[in-house]
Amino acid sequence: MANNRIGRINEEIQRELSALIRTVKDPRVTGMISVTGVDTSADLKYAKVYVSLLDGNSAKEVLKGLRSASGYLRRELGRALSLRATPELEFIQDDSIVKGAHILELLRGLDKKEE
């Protein structure tokens, strides 16, 4: 039952952060940024936020910008959600969308070879 609660909290944090990242005024936080997942600890003190970036060249700069804006994001997240404690945010780059697109390209290449 506790896992279900953590799962719902993860979804809410993901939804709110997706909207809040657009309001960050740091010039490093630009481009297409998607929050692909959130993994919150059982005590709700820490949350790993998995972020996918369309432009892989500036990924390090975007992550630095998100880390510097984590205080703002945490404060706004605390206002939006009614949790006892707002988790500390750790941003991690997620390459699963890029890898999935690459695999899809390879599969399409196999279809063309068969024809």
N, C-alpha and C. Protein backbone atom coordinates (compact mmCIF):
# COMPACT_ATOMS: atom_id res chain seq x y z
N MET A 1 0.81 -1.19 0.00
CA MET A 1 0.00 0.00 0.00
C MET A 1 0.86 1.26 0.00
N ALA A 2 1.99 1.22 0.70
CA ALA A 2 2.88 2.37 0.72
C ALA A 2 3.50 2.60 -0.65
N ASN A 3 3.75 1.51 -1.40
CA ASN A 3 4.33 1.66 -2.74
C ASN A 3 3.36 2.39 -3.66
N ASN A 4 2.08 2.12 -3.50
CA ASN A 4 1.09 2.80 -4.32
C ASN A 4 1.10 4.30 -4.02
N ARG A 5 1.24 4.66 -2.77
CA ARG A 5 1.30 6.07 -2.38
C ARG A 5 2.54 6.74 -2.97
N ILE A 6 3.67 6.08 -2.87
CA ILE A 6 4.92 6.62 -3.43
C ILE A 6 4.77 6.79 -4.95
N GLY A 7 4.14 5.83 -5.59
CA GLY A 7 3.92 5.92 -7.04
C GLY A 7 3.06 7.12 -7.41
N ARG A 8 2.01 7.37 -6.64
CA ARG A 8 1.16 8.54 -6.91
C ARG A 8 1.91 9.83 -6.66
N ILE A 9 2.72 9.86 -5.62
CA ILE A 9 3.52 11.05 -5.32
C ILE A 9 4.52 11.29 -6.45
N ASN A 10 5.16 10.22 -6.93
CA ASN A 10 6.10 10.35 -8.04
C ASN A 10 5.43 10.95 -9.28
N GLU A 11 4.22 10.49 -9.57
CA GLU A 11 3.49 11.01 -10.73
C GLU A 11 3.13 12.48 -10.56
N GLU A 12 2.72 12.85 -9.36
CA GLU A 12 2.37 14.26 -9.10
C GLU A 12 3.60 15.16 -9.21
N ILE A 13 4.72 14.70 -8.64
CA ILE A 13 5.96 15.48 -8.73
C ILE A 13 6.37 15.62 -10.18
N GLN A 14 6.27 14.54 -10.95
CA GLN A 14 6.64 14.58 -12.37
C GLN A 14 5.76 15.58 -13.12
N ARG A 15 4.48 15.54 -12.88
CA ARG A 15 3.54 16.45 -13.56
C ARG A 15 3.84 17.90 -13.21
N GLU A 16 4.04 18.18 -11.93
CA GLU A 16 4.29 19.56 -11.51
C GLU A 16 5.63 20.08 -12.02
N LEU A 17 6.66 19.23 -11.95
CA LEU A 17 7.98 19.67 -12.42
C LEU A 17 7.98 19.92 -13.93
N SER A 18 7.23 19.13 -14.67
CA SER A 18 7.15 19.35 -16.12
C SER A 18 6.64 20.75 -16.41
N ALA A 19 5.67 21.20 -15.64
CA ALA A 19 5.14 22.55 -15.82
C ALA A 19 6.08 23.61 -15.25
N LEU A 20 6.71 23.32 -14.12
CA LEU A 20 7.55 24.33 -13.46
C LEU A 20 8.86 24.60 -14.20
N ILE A 21 9.39 23.60 -14.88
CA ILE A 21 10.68 23.78 -15.57
C ILE A 21 10.56 24.87 -16.63
N ARG A 22 9.40 25.01 -17.22
CA ARG A 22 9.20 26.05 -18.24
C ARG A 22 9.29 27.46 -17.65
N THR A 23 9.08 27.59 -16.33
CA THR A 23 9.10 28.91 -15.70
C THR A 23 10.49 29.31 -15.20
N VAL A 24 11.46 28.41 -15.32
CA VAL A 24 12.83 28.71 -14.84
C VAL A 24 13.44 29.77 -15.76
N LYS A 25 14.01 30.80 -15.16
CA LYS A 25 14.55 31.91 -15.94
C LYS A 25 16.05 31.79 -16.22
N ASP A 26 16.65 30.70 -15.81
CA ASP A 26 18.08 30.48 -16.07
C ASP A 26 18.29 30.31 -17.57
N PRO A 27 19.20 31.07 -18.18
CA PRO A 27 19.40 30.96 -19.63
C PRO A 27 19.96 29.61 -20.07
N ARG A 28 20.52 28.85 -19.15
CA ARG A 28 21.04 27.52 -19.51
C ARG A 28 19.92 26.51 -19.70
N VAL A 29 18.78 26.76 -19.09
CA VAL A 29 17.65 25.83 -19.15
C VAL A 29 16.79 26.21 -20.36
N THR A 30 17.21 25.72 -21.52
CA THR A 30 16.49 26.01 -22.76
C THR A 30 16.31 24.72 -23.55
N GLY A 31 15.48 24.79 -24.55
CA GLY A 31 15.26 23.65 -25.42
C GLY A 31 14.14 22.76 -24.92
N MET A 32 14.02 21.63 -25.58
CA MET A 32 12.97 20.67 -25.26
C MET A 32 13.44 19.81 -24.09
N ILE A 33 12.83 20.00 -22.93
CA ILE A 33 13.18 19.26 -21.72
C ILE A 33 11.96 18.48 -21.27
N SER A 34 12.11 17.17 -21.13
CA SER A 34 11.01 16.32 -20.69
C SER A 34 11.40 15.62 -19.40
N VAL A 35 10.51 15.63 -18.44
CA VAL A 35 10.70 14.87 -17.20
C VAL A 35 10.15 13.48 -17.48
N THR A 36 11.05 12.49 -17.58
CA THR A 36 10.62 11.13 -17.95
C THR A 36 10.25 10.29 -16.74
N GLY A 37 10.73 10.65 -15.57
CA GLY A 37 10.39 9.87 -14.39
C GLY A 37 10.91 10.52 -13.13
N VAL A 38 10.33 10.11 -12.02
CA VAL A 38 10.75 10.59 -10.70
C VAL A 38 10.80 9.38 -9.79
N ASP A 39 11.87 9.28 -9.02
CA ASP A 39 12.02 8.19 -8.06
C ASP A 39 12.24 8.81 -6.69
N THR A 40 11.24 8.75 -5.85
CA THR A 40 11.30 9.36 -4.52
C THR A 40 11.67 8.31 -3.49
N SER A 41 12.49 8.70 -2.51
CA SER A 41 12.84 7.77 -1.44
C SER A 41 11.61 7.52 -0.56
N ALA A 42 11.66 6.46 0.23
CA ALA A 42 10.52 6.06 1.05
C ALA A 42 10.16 7.12 2.10
N ASP A 43 11.16 7.86 2.59
CA ASP A 43 10.89 8.89 3.60
C ASP A 43 10.57 10.26 2.98
N LEU A 44 10.50 10.32 1.66
CA LEU A 44 10.16 11.54 0.92
C LEU A 44 11.15 12.69 1.14
N LYS A 45 12.37 12.36 1.46
CA LYS A 45 13.38 13.40 1.66
C LYS A 45 14.15 13.70 0.37
N TYR A 46 14.29 12.72 -0.49
CA TYR A 46 15.07 12.87 -1.72
C TYR A 46 14.26 12.36 -2.91
N ALA A 47 14.46 13.01 -4.05
CA ALA A 47 13.80 12.58 -5.28
C ALA A 47 14.79 12.68 -6.43
N LYS A 48 14.95 11.60 -7.16
CA LYS A 48 15.76 11.61 -8.37
C LYS A 48 14.82 11.92 -9.53
N VAL A 49 15.14 12.98 -10.24
CA VAL A 49 14.31 13.42 -11.36
C VAL A 49 15.06 13.10 -12.65
N TYR A 50 14.48 12.23 -13.47
CA TYR A 50 15.10 11.83 -14.72
C TYR A 50 14.60 12.75 -15.82
N VAL A 51 15.55 13.40 -16.49
CA VAL A 51 15.24 14.42 -17.48
C VAL A 51 15.82 14.00 -18.83
N SER A 52 15.00 14.09 -19.87
CA SER A 52 15.43 13.80 -21.22
C SER A 52 15.52 15.11 -22.00
N LEU A 53 16.61 15.27 -22.73
CA LEU A 53 16.85 16.50 -23.46
C LEU A 53 16.93 16.20 -24.95
N LEU A 54 16.26 17.01 -25.75
CA LEU A 54 16.27 16.79 -27.19
C LEU A 54 17.63 17.12 -27.77
N ASP A 55 18.25 18.20 -27.30
CA ASP A 55 19.56 18.60 -27.77
C ASP A 55 20.62 18.05 -26.82
N GLY A 56 21.28 16.97 -27.22
CA GLY A 56 22.26 16.32 -26.36
C GLY A 56 23.55 17.09 -26.21
N ASN A 57 23.81 18.08 -27.10
CA ASN A 57 25.06 18.82 -27.05
C ASN A 57 25.15 19.70 -25.81
N SER A 58 24.05 20.29 -25.40
CA SER A 58 24.07 21.21 -24.27
C SER A 58 23.54 20.56 -23.00
N ALA A 59 23.58 19.24 -22.92
CA ALA A 59 22.99 18.52 -21.79
C ALA A 59 23.65 18.90 -20.46
N LYS A 60 24.96 19.02 -20.45
CA LYS A 60 25.65 19.34 -19.19
C LYS A 60 25.26 20.73 -18.69
N GLU A 61 25.13 21.67 -19.61
CA GLU A 61 24.76 23.03 -19.22
C GLU A 61 23.33 23.09 -18.70
N VAL A 62 22.43 22.36 -19.35
CA VAL A 62 21.03 22.33 -18.91
C VAL A 62 20.94 21.71 -17.52
N LEU A 63 21.67 20.63 -17.30
CA LEU A 63 21.66 19.99 -15.97
C LEU A 63 22.23 20.91 -14.90
N LYS A 64 23.28 21.67 -15.25
CA LYS A 64 23.82 22.64 -14.30
C LYS A 64 22.78 23.71 -13.97
N GLY A 65 22.07 24.17 -14.98
CA GLY A 65 21.03 25.16 -14.78
C GLY A 65 19.91 24.63 -13.91
N LEU A 66 19.51 23.38 -14.14
CA LEU A 66 18.45 22.78 -13.33
C LEU A 66 18.91 22.59 -11.89
N ARG A 67 20.16 22.21 -11.70
CA ARG A 67 20.68 22.06 -10.34
C ARG A 67 20.71 23.40 -9.61
N SER A 68 21.07 24.46 -10.33
CA SER A 68 21.10 25.77 -9.66
C SER A 68 19.68 26.28 -9.39
N ALA A 69 18.71 25.84 -10.17
CA ALA A 69 17.32 26.26 -9.97
C ALA A 69 16.55 25.29 -9.07
N SER A 70 17.23 24.30 -8.51
CA SER A 70 16.53 23.29 -7.72
C SER A 70 15.86 23.88 -6.48
N GLY A 71 16.43 24.91 -5.90
CA GLY A 71 15.81 25.56 -4.74
C GLY A 71 14.48 26.19 -5.12
N TYR A 72 14.47 26.91 -6.23
CA TYR A 72 13.23 27.51 -6.71
C TYR A 72 12.19 26.45 -7.03
N LEU A 73 12.63 25.39 -7.74
CA LEU A 73 11.70 24.32 -8.11
C LEU A 73 11.15 23.60 -6.89
N ARG A 74 12.00 23.41 -5.90
CA ARG A 74 11.56 22.74 -4.67
C ARG A 74 10.54 23.59 -3.92
N ARG A 75 10.78 24.89 -3.86
CA ARG A 75 9.85 25.79 -3.18
C ARG A 75 8.50 25.80 -3.88
N GLU A 76 8.51 25.91 -5.20
CA GLU A 76 7.25 25.94 -5.95
C GLU A 76 6.54 24.59 -5.89
N LEU A 77 7.32 23.52 -5.85
CA LEU A 77 6.74 22.18 -5.72
C LEU A 77 6.05 22.03 -4.36
N GLY A 78 6.67 22.57 -3.32
CA GLY A 78 6.08 22.54 -1.99
C GLY A 78 4.78 23.32 -1.92
N ARG A 79 4.70 24.41 -2.68
CA ARG A 79 3.46 25.20 -2.70
C ARG A 79 2.36 24.45 -3.45
N ALA A 80 2.74 23.73 -4.50
CA ALA A 80 1.75 23.06 -5.34
C ALA A 80 1.23 21.76 -4.70
N LEU A 81 2.10 21.04 -4.01
CA LEU A 81 1.72 19.76 -3.42
C LEU A 81 1.61 19.92 -1.91
N SER A 82 0.70 19.20 -1.33
CA SER A 82 0.55 19.28 0.12
C SER A 82 1.21 18.04 0.76
N LEU A 83 2.52 18.11 0.86
CA LEU A 83 3.30 17.04 1.48
C LEU A 83 3.89 17.56 2.78
N ARG A 84 4.16 16.66 3.69
CA ARG A 84 4.77 17.06 4.96
C ARG A 84 6.16 17.64 4.72
N ALA A 85 6.92 16.97 3.87
CA ALA A 85 8.26 17.45 3.52
C ALA A 85 8.41 17.44 2.01
N THR A 86 8.96 18.50 1.48
CA THR A 86 9.21 18.56 0.04
C THR A 86 10.58 17.95 -0.21
N PRO A 87 10.67 16.97 -1.11
CA PRO A 87 11.95 16.28 -1.31
C PRO A 87 13.00 17.15 -1.97
N GLU A 88 14.24 16.85 -1.64
CA GLU A 88 15.39 17.48 -2.28
C GLU A 88 15.52 16.88 -3.67
N LEU A 89 15.72 17.71 -4.69
CA LEU A 89 15.70 17.25 -6.07
C LEU A 89 17.11 17.02 -6.59
N GLU A 90 17.29 15.87 -7.23
CA GLU A 90 18.55 15.55 -7.90
C GLU A 90 18.21 15.24 -9.36
N PHE A 91 18.79 16.01 -10.28
CA PHE A 91 18.48 15.85 -11.70
C PHE A 91 19.49 14.93 -12.36
N ILE A 92 18.97 13.95 -13.10
CA ILE A 92 19.79 12.95 -13.77
C ILE A 92 19.35 12.89 -15.23
N GLN A 93 20.33 12.88 -16.13
CA GLN A 93 20.01 12.81 -17.56
C GLN A 93 19.53 11.41 -17.93
N ASP A 94 18.45 11.34 -18.67
CA ASP A 94 17.87 10.08 -19.12
C ASP A 94 17.97 10.01 -20.63
N ASP A 95 18.70 9.04 -21.14
CA ASP A 95 18.91 8.90 -22.57
C ASP A 95 17.99 7.87 -23.20
N SER A 96 16.98 7.42 -22.51
CA SER A 96 16.15 6.33 -23.01
C SER A 96 15.39 6.72 -24.28
N ILE A 97 14.95 7.96 -24.41
CA ILE A 97 14.24 8.38 -25.61
C ILE A 97 15.17 8.38 -26.81
N VAL A 98 16.39 8.86 -26.63
CA VAL A 98 17.37 8.88 -27.72
C VAL A 98 17.74 7.46 -28.12
N LYS A 99 17.93 6.58 -27.14
CA LYS A 99 18.26 5.19 -27.45
C LYS A 99 17.10 4.49 -28.16
N GLY A 100 15.88 4.78 -27.73
CA GLY A 100 14.70 4.20 -28.37
C GLY A 100 14.57 4.65 -29.82
N ALA A 101 14.85 5.92 -30.07
CA ALA A 101 14.80 6.43 -31.45
C ALA A 101 15.87 5.78 -32.31
N HIS A 102 17.04 5.54 -31.74
CA HIS A 102 18.11 4.88 -32.48
C HIS A 102 17.73 3.45 -32.83
N ILE A 103 17.14 2.73 -31.89
CA ILE A 103 16.71 1.35 -32.15
C ILE A 103 15.62 1.33 -33.22
N LEU A 104 14.71 2.29 -33.16
CA LEU A 104 13.66 2.38 -34.17
C LEU A 104 14.24 2.63 -35.56
N GLU A 105 15.28 3.47 -35.62
CA GLU A 105 15.97 3.73 -36.89
C GLU A 105 16.60 2.46 -37.43
N LEU A 106 17.24 1.69 -36.55
CA LEU A 106 17.86 0.44 -36.97
C LEU A 106 16.82 -0.54 -37.50
N LEU A 107 15.67 -0.63 -36.83
CA LEU A 107 14.62 -1.53 -37.27
C LEU A 107 14.04 -1.09 -38.62
N ARG A 108 13.90 0.19 -38.83
CA ARG A 108 13.42 0.68 -40.12
C ARG A 108 14.42 0.38 -41.22
N GLY A 109 15.70 0.44 -40.88
CA GLY A 109 16.74 0.10 -41.85
C GLY A 109 16.66 -1.37 -42.25
N LEU A 110 16.31 -2.25 -41.31
CA LEU A 110 16.16 -3.66 -41.65
C LEU A 110 14.96 -3.89 -42.58
N ASP A 111 13.89 -3.15 -42.37
CA ASP A 111 12.72 -3.28 -43.24
C ASP A 111 13.06 -2.87 -44.67
N LYS A 112 13.85 -1.82 -44.83
CA LYS A 112 14.23 -1.37 -46.18
C LYS A 112 15.13 -2.38 -46.87
N LYS A 113 16.00 -3.05 -46.12
CA LYS A 113 16.90 -4.04 -46.70
C LYS A 113 16.12 -5.26 -47.19
N GLU A 114 15.06 -5.64 -46.49
CA GLU A 114 14.27 -6.81 -46.86
C GLU A 114 13.52 -6.56 -48.16
N GLU A 115 13.12 -5.32 -48.41
CA GLU A 115 12.38 -4.99 -49.64
C GLU A 115 13.34 -4.98 -50.78
